[in-house]
Amino acid sequence: MAVPKKKTSKGKRNQRHATWKGKAAVAAQKALSIGKAVLSGRAQGFVYPIDDEADDSES
């Protein structure tokens, strides 16, 4: 079974945690930006399904 040879220092632990949190912050910002683009109708970089239920139910 693999075990660590030495204890990880607080600095290294904090460095890894900061990297993880930074990546999460970038992903959250990107998701928020895409969501705002979809809601405002100016999304051009990707394809997403358009809800046609309102048109179908009127017929």
PDB file of N, CA and C in Angstrom:
ATOM      1  N   MET A   1       0.840  -1.182   0.000  1.00  0.00           N
ATOM      2  CA  MET A   1       0.000   0.000   0.000  1.00  0.00           C
ATOM      3  C   MET A   1       0.886   1.245   0.000  1.00  0.00           C
ATOM      4  N   ALA A   2       0.552   2.212  -0.813  1.00  0.00           N
ATOM      5  CA  ALA A   2       1.355   3.430  -0.928  1.00  0.00           C
ATOM      6  C   ALA A   2       1.062   4.365   0.242  1.00  0.00           C
ATOM      7  N   VAL A   3       2.129   4.824   0.865  1.00  0.00           N
ATOM      8  CA  VAL A   3       1.997   5.780   1.973  1.00  0.00           C
ATOM      9  C   VAL A   3       2.986   6.914   1.753  1.00  0.00           C
ATOM     10  N   PRO A   4       2.675   8.118   2.244  1.00  0.00           N
ATOM     11  CA  PRO A   4       3.623   9.221   2.107  1.00  0.00           C
ATOM     12  C   PRO A   4       4.859   8.996   2.978  1.00  0.00           C
ATOM     13  N   LYS A   5       6.025   9.400   2.472  1.00  0.00           N
ATOM     14  CA  LYS A   5       7.266   9.203   3.220  1.00  0.00           C
ATOM     15  C   LYS A   5       7.445  10.244   4.309  1.00  0.00           C
ATOM     16  N   LYS A   6       7.028  11.454   4.044  1.00  0.00           N
ATOM     17  CA  LYS A   6       7.189  12.543   5.015  1.00  0.00           C
ATOM     18  C   LYS A   6       5.888  13.323   5.115  1.00  0.00           C
ATOM     19  N   LYS A   7       5.760  14.069   6.189  1.00  0.00           N
ATOM     20  CA  LYS A   7       4.580  14.919   6.371  1.00  0.00           C
ATOM     21  C   LYS A   7       4.651  16.089   5.396  1.00  0.00           C
ATOM     22  N   THR A   8       3.515  16.413   4.784  1.00  0.00           N
ATOM     23  CA  THR A   8       3.449  17.558   3.874  1.00  0.00           C
ATOM     24  C   THR A   8       3.411  18.841   4.692  1.00  0.00           C
ATOM     25  N   SER A   9       4.226  19.795   4.307  1.00  0.00           N
ATOM     26  CA  SER A   9       4.303  21.050   5.055  1.00  0.00           C
ATOM     27  C   SER A   9       3.044  21.886   4.865  1.00  0.00           C
ATOM     28  N   LYS A  10       2.823  22.805   5.799  1.00  0.00           N
ATOM     29  CA  LYS A  10       1.655  23.688   5.722  1.00  0.00           C
ATOM     30  C   LYS A  10       1.722  24.564   4.481  1.00  0.00           C
ATOM     31  N   GLY A  11       2.913  24.991   4.126  1.00  0.00           N
ATOM     32  CA  GLY A  11       3.062  25.836   2.940  1.00  0.00           C
ATOM     33  C   GLY A  11       2.673  25.111   1.665  1.00  0.00           C
ATOM     34  N   LYS A  12       3.139  23.871   1.527  1.00  0.00           N
ATOM     35  CA  LYS A  12       2.802  23.077   0.338  1.00  0.00           C
ATOM     36  C   LYS A  12       1.301  22.775   0.311  1.00  0.00           C
ATOM     37  N   ARG A  13       0.735  22.458   1.476  1.00  0.00           N
ATOM     38  CA  ARG A  13      -0.699  22.192   1.561  1.00  0.00           C
ATOM     39  C   ARG A  13      -1.501  23.430   1.153  1.00  0.00           C
ATOM     40  N   ASN A  14      -1.111  24.584   1.665  1.00  0.00           N
ATOM     41  CA  ASN A  14      -1.815  25.824   1.341  1.00  0.00           C
ATOM     42  C   ASN A  14      -1.661  26.180  -0.134  1.00  0.00           C
ATOM     43  N   GLN A  15      -0.490  25.893  -0.691  1.00  0.00           N
ATOM     44  CA  GLN A  15      -0.245  26.162  -2.108  1.00  0.00           C
ATOM     45  C   GLN A  15      -1.176  25.318  -2.979  1.00  0.00           C
ATOM     46  N   ARG A  16      -1.306  24.047  -2.645  1.00  0.00           N
ATOM     47  CA  ARG A  16      -2.191  23.161  -3.411  1.00  0.00           C
ATOM     48  C   ARG A  16      -3.648  23.575  -3.247  1.00  0.00           C
ATOM     49  N   HIS A  17      -4.012  23.959  -2.038  1.00  0.00           N
ATOM     50  CA  HIS A  17      -5.389  24.390  -1.786  1.00  0.00           C
ATOM     51  C   HIS A  17      -5.706  25.657  -2.578  1.00  0.00           C
ATOM     52  N   ALA A  18      -4.763  26.590  -2.627  1.00  0.00           N
ATOM     53  CA  ALA A  18      -4.969  27.839  -3.364  1.00  0.00           C
ATOM     54  C   ALA A  18      -5.125  27.570  -4.857  1.00  0.00           C
ATOM     55  N   THR A  19      -4.359  26.633  -5.392  1.00  0.00           N
ATOM     56  CA  THR A  19      -4.472  26.271  -6.806  1.00  0.00           C
ATOM     57  C   THR A  19      -5.850  25.685  -7.087  1.00  0.00           C
ATOM     58  N   TRP A  20      -6.300  24.804  -6.204  1.00  0.00           N
ATOM     59  CA  TRP A  20      -7.601  24.163  -6.364  1.00  0.00           C
ATOM     60  C   TRP A  20      -8.717  25.201  -6.312  1.00  0.00           C
ATOM     61  N   LYS A  21      -8.638  26.119  -5.337  1.00  0.00           N
ATOM     62  CA  LYS A  21      -9.653  27.161  -5.203  1.00  0.00           C
ATOM     63  C   LYS A  21      -9.624  28.110  -6.398  1.00  0.00           C
ATOM     64  N   GLY A  22      -8.426  28.399  -6.920  1.00  0.00           N
ATOM     65  CA  GLY A  22      -8.309  29.282  -8.077  1.00  0.00           C
ATOM     66  C   GLY A  22      -8.960  28.690  -9.307  1.00  0.00           C
ATOM     67  N   LYS A  23      -8.742  27.396  -9.530  1.00  0.00           N
ATOM     68  CA  LYS A  23      -9.365  26.727 -10.675  1.00  0.00           C
ATOM     69  C   LYS A  23     -10.885  26.721 -10.534  1.00  0.00           C
ATOM     70  N   ALA A  24     -11.366  26.503  -9.309  1.00  0.00           N
ATOM     71  CA  ALA A  24     -12.812  26.503  -9.077  1.00  0.00           C
ATOM     72  C   ALA A  24     -13.397  27.887  -9.328  1.00  0.00           C
ATOM     73  N   ALA A  25     -12.683  28.934  -8.928  1.00  0.00           N
ATOM     74  CA  ALA A  25     -13.168  30.304  -9.127  1.00  0.00           C
ATOM     75  C   ALA A  25     -13.258  30.638 -10.613  1.00  0.00           C
ATOM     76  N   VAL A  26     -12.276  30.203 -11.387  1.00  0.00           N
ATOM     77  CA  VAL A  26     -12.287  30.449 -12.833  1.00  0.00           C
ATOM     78  C   VAL A  26     -13.455  29.703 -13.480  1.00  0.00           C
ATOM     79  N   ALA A  27     -13.682  28.452 -13.071  1.00  0.00           N
ATOM     80  CA  ALA A  27     -14.788  27.673 -13.632  1.00  0.00           C
ATOM     81  C   ALA A  27     -16.136  28.295 -13.279  1.00  0.00           C
ATOM     82  N   ALA A  28     -16.266  28.791 -12.051  1.00  0.00           N
ATOM     83  CA  ALA A  28     -17.522  29.424 -11.632  1.00  0.00           C
ATOM     84  C   ALA A  28     -17.771  30.710 -12.409  1.00  0.00           C
ATOM     85  N   GLN A  29     -16.723  31.489 -12.623  1.00  0.00           N
ATOM     86  CA  GLN A  29     -16.858  32.742 -13.368  1.00  0.00           C
ATOM     87  C   GLN A  29     -17.257  32.468 -14.818  1.00  0.00           C
ATOM     88  N   LYS A  30     -16.653  31.422 -15.413  1.00  0.00           N
ATOM     89  CA  LYS A  30     -16.977  31.063 -16.791  1.00  0.00           C
ATOM     90  C   LYS A  30     -18.427  30.591 -16.906  1.00  0.00           C
ATOM     91  N   ALA A  31     -18.878  29.787 -15.933  1.00  0.00           N
ATOM     92  CA  ALA A  31     -20.257  29.301 -15.950  1.00  0.00           C
ATOM     93  C   ALA A  31     -21.241  30.453 -15.802  1.00  0.00           C
ATOM     94  N   LEU A  32     -20.938  31.402 -14.934  1.00  0.00           N
ATOM     95  CA  LEU A  32     -21.809  32.561 -14.751  1.00  0.00           C
ATOM     96  C   LEU A  32     -21.875  33.393 -16.023  1.00  0.00           C
ATOM     97  N   SER A  33     -20.729  33.566 -16.687  1.00  0.00           N
ATOM     98  CA  SER A  33     -20.681  34.341 -17.916  1.00  0.00           C
ATOM     99  C   SER A  33     -21.505  33.675 -19.018  1.00  0.00           C
ATOM    100  N   ILE A  34     -21.380  32.355 -19.145  1.00  0.00           N
ATOM    101  CA  ILE A  34     -22.146  31.632 -20.160  1.00  0.00           C
ATOM    102  C   ILE A  34     -23.637  31.716 -19.859  1.00  0.00           C
ATOM    103  N   GLY A  35     -24.000  31.580 -18.589  1.00  0.00           N
ATOM    104  CA  GLY A  35     -25.405  31.685 -18.205  1.00  0.00           C
ATOM    105  C   GLY A  35     -25.988  33.043 -18.527  1.00  0.00           C
ATOM    106  N   LYS A  36     -25.228  34.095 -18.252  1.00  0.00           N
ATOM    107  CA  LYS A  36     -25.692  35.446 -18.566  1.00  0.00           C
ATOM    108  C   LYS A  36     -25.834  35.633 -20.075  1.00  0.00           C
ATOM    109  N   ALA A  37     -24.903  35.059 -20.844  1.00  0.00           N
ATOM    110  CA  ALA A  37     -24.962  35.182 -22.299  1.00  0.00           C
ATOM    111  C   ALA A  37     -26.198  34.481 -22.851  1.00  0.00           C
ATOM    112  N   VAL A  38     -26.515  33.313 -22.309  1.00  0.00           N
ATOM    113  CA  VAL A  38     -27.687  32.573 -22.775  1.00  0.00           C
ATOM    114  C   VAL A  38     -28.957  33.351 -22.453  1.00  0.00           C
ATOM    115  N   LEU A  39     -29.042  33.886 -21.248  1.00  0.00           N
ATOM    116  CA  LEU A  39     -30.250  34.612 -20.851  1.00  0.00           C
ATOM    117  C   LEU A  39     -30.434  35.906 -21.633  1.00  0.00           C
ATOM    118  N   SER A  40     -29.323  36.554 -21.989  1.00  0.00           N
ATOM    119  CA  SER A  40     -29.441  37.814 -22.717  1.00  0.00           C
ATOM    120  C   SER A  40     -29.612  37.600 -24.220  1.00  0.00           C
ATOM    121  N   GLY A  41     -29.374  36.374 -24.704  1.00  0.00           N
ATOM    122  CA  GLY A  41     -29.557  36.071 -26.118  1.00  0.00           C
ATOM    123  C   GLY A  41     -28.354  36.376 -26.983  1.00  0.00           C
ATOM    124  N   ARG A  42     -27.201  36.621 -26.393  1.00  0.00           N
ATOM    125  CA  ARG A  42     -26.019  36.933 -27.188  1.00  0.00           C
ATOM    126  C   ARG A  42     -24.993  35.800 -27.187  1.00  0.00           C
ATOM    127  N   ALA A  43     -25.412  34.595 -26.878  1.00  0.00           N
ATOM    128  CA  ALA A  43     -24.509  33.449 -26.864  1.00  0.00           C
ATOM    129  C   ALA A  43     -24.230  33.004 -28.295  1.00  0.00           C
ATOM    130  N   GLN A  44     -22.952  32.962 -28.695  1.00  0.00           N
ATOM    131  CA  GLN A  44     -22.587  32.575 -30.051  1.00  0.00           C
ATOM    132  C   GLN A  44     -21.554  31.461 -30.090  1.00  0.00           C
ATOM    133  N   GLY A  45     -20.909  31.161 -28.986  1.00  0.00           N
ATOM    134  CA  GLY A  45     -19.802  30.223 -28.992  1.00  0.00           C
ATOM    135  C   GLY A  45     -20.180  28.765 -28.852  1.00  0.00           C
ATOM    136  N   PHE A  46     -21.446  28.455 -28.658  1.00  0.00           N
ATOM    137  CA  PHE A  46     -21.853  27.077 -28.495  1.00  0.00           C
ATOM    138  C   PHE A  46     -23.317  26.921 -28.903  1.00  0.00           C
ATOM    139  N   VAL A  47     -23.740  25.657 -29.062  1.00  0.00           N
ATOM    140  CA  VAL A  47     -25.109  25.369 -29.472  1.00  0.00           C
ATOM    141  C   VAL A  47     -25.842  24.792 -28.269  1.00  0.00           C
ATOM    142  N   TYR A  48     -27.050  25.235 -28.028  1.00  0.00           N
ATOM    143  CA  TYR A  48     -27.850  24.719 -26.929  1.00  0.00           C
ATOM    144  C   TYR A  48     -29.294  24.570 -27.400  1.00  0.00           C
ATOM    145  N   PRO A  49     -30.040  23.634 -26.822  1.00  0.00           N
ATOM    146  CA  PRO A  49     -31.421  23.408 -27.269  1.00  0.00           C
ATOM    147  C   PRO A  49     -32.321  24.577 -26.888  1.00  0.00           C
ATOM    148  N   ILE A  50     -33.206  24.943 -27.807  1.00  0.00           N
ATOM    149  CA  ILE A  50     -34.162  26.017 -27.563  1.00  0.00           C
ATOM    150  C   ILE A  50     -35.489  25.377 -27.185  1.00  0.00           C
ATOM    151  N   ASP A  51     -36.122  25.887 -26.153  1.00  0.00           N
ATOM    152  CA  ASP A  51     -37.371  25.334 -25.644  1.00  0.00           C
ATOM    153  C   ASP A  51     -38.515  25.701 -26.580  1.00  0.00           C
ATOM    154  N   ASP A  52     -39.076  24.706 -27.282  1.00  0.00           N
ATOM    155  CA  ASP A  52     -40.179  24.937 -28.218  1.00  0.00           C
ATOM    156  C   ASP A  52     -41.518  24.477 -27.645  1.00  0.00           C
ATOM    157  N   GLU A  53     -41.594  24.213 -26.350  1.00  0.00           N
ATOM    158  CA  GLU A  53     -42.827  23.709 -25.754  1.00  0.00           C
ATOM    159  C   GLU A  53     -43.947  24.740 -25.841  1.00  0.00           C
ATOM    160  N   ALA A  54     -43.635  26.018 -25.724  1.00  0.00           N
ATOM    161  CA  ALA A  54     -44.662  27.058 -25.784  1.00  0.00           C
ATOM    162  C   ALA A  54     -45.310  27.088 -27.171  1.00  0.00           C
ATOM    163  N   ASP A  55     -44.518  26.895 -28.222  1.00  0.00           N
ATOM    164  CA  ASP A  55     -45.048  26.893 -29.583  1.00  0.00           C
ATOM    165  C   ASP A  55     -45.880  25.638 -29.853  1.00  0.00           C
ATOM    166  N   ASP A  56     -45.443  24.491 -29.326  1.00  0.00           N
ATOM    167  CA  ASP A  56     -46.135  23.233 -29.570  1.00  0.00           C
ATOM    168  C   ASP A  56     -47.474  23.165 -28.841  1.00  0.00           C
ATOM    169  N   SER A  57     -47.573  23.734 -27.676  1.00  0.00           N
ATOM    170  CA  SER A  57     -48.799  23.620 -26.893  1.00  0.00           C
ATOM    171  C   SER A  57     -49.930  24.485 -27.456  1.00  0.00           C
ATOM    172  N   GLU A  58     -49.604  25.510 -28.235  1.00  0.00           N
ATOM    173  CA  GLU A  58     -50.622  26.385 -28.807  1.00  0.00           C
ATOM    174  C   GLU A  58     -51.351  25.724 -29.976  1.00  0.00           C
ATOM    175  N   SER A  59     -50.707  24.795 -30.667  1.00  0.00           N
ATOM    176  CA  SER A  59     -51.300  24.155 -31.848  1.00  0.00           C
ATOM    177  C   SER A  59     -52.392  23.180 -31.479  1.00  0.00           C
TER     178      SER A  59
END
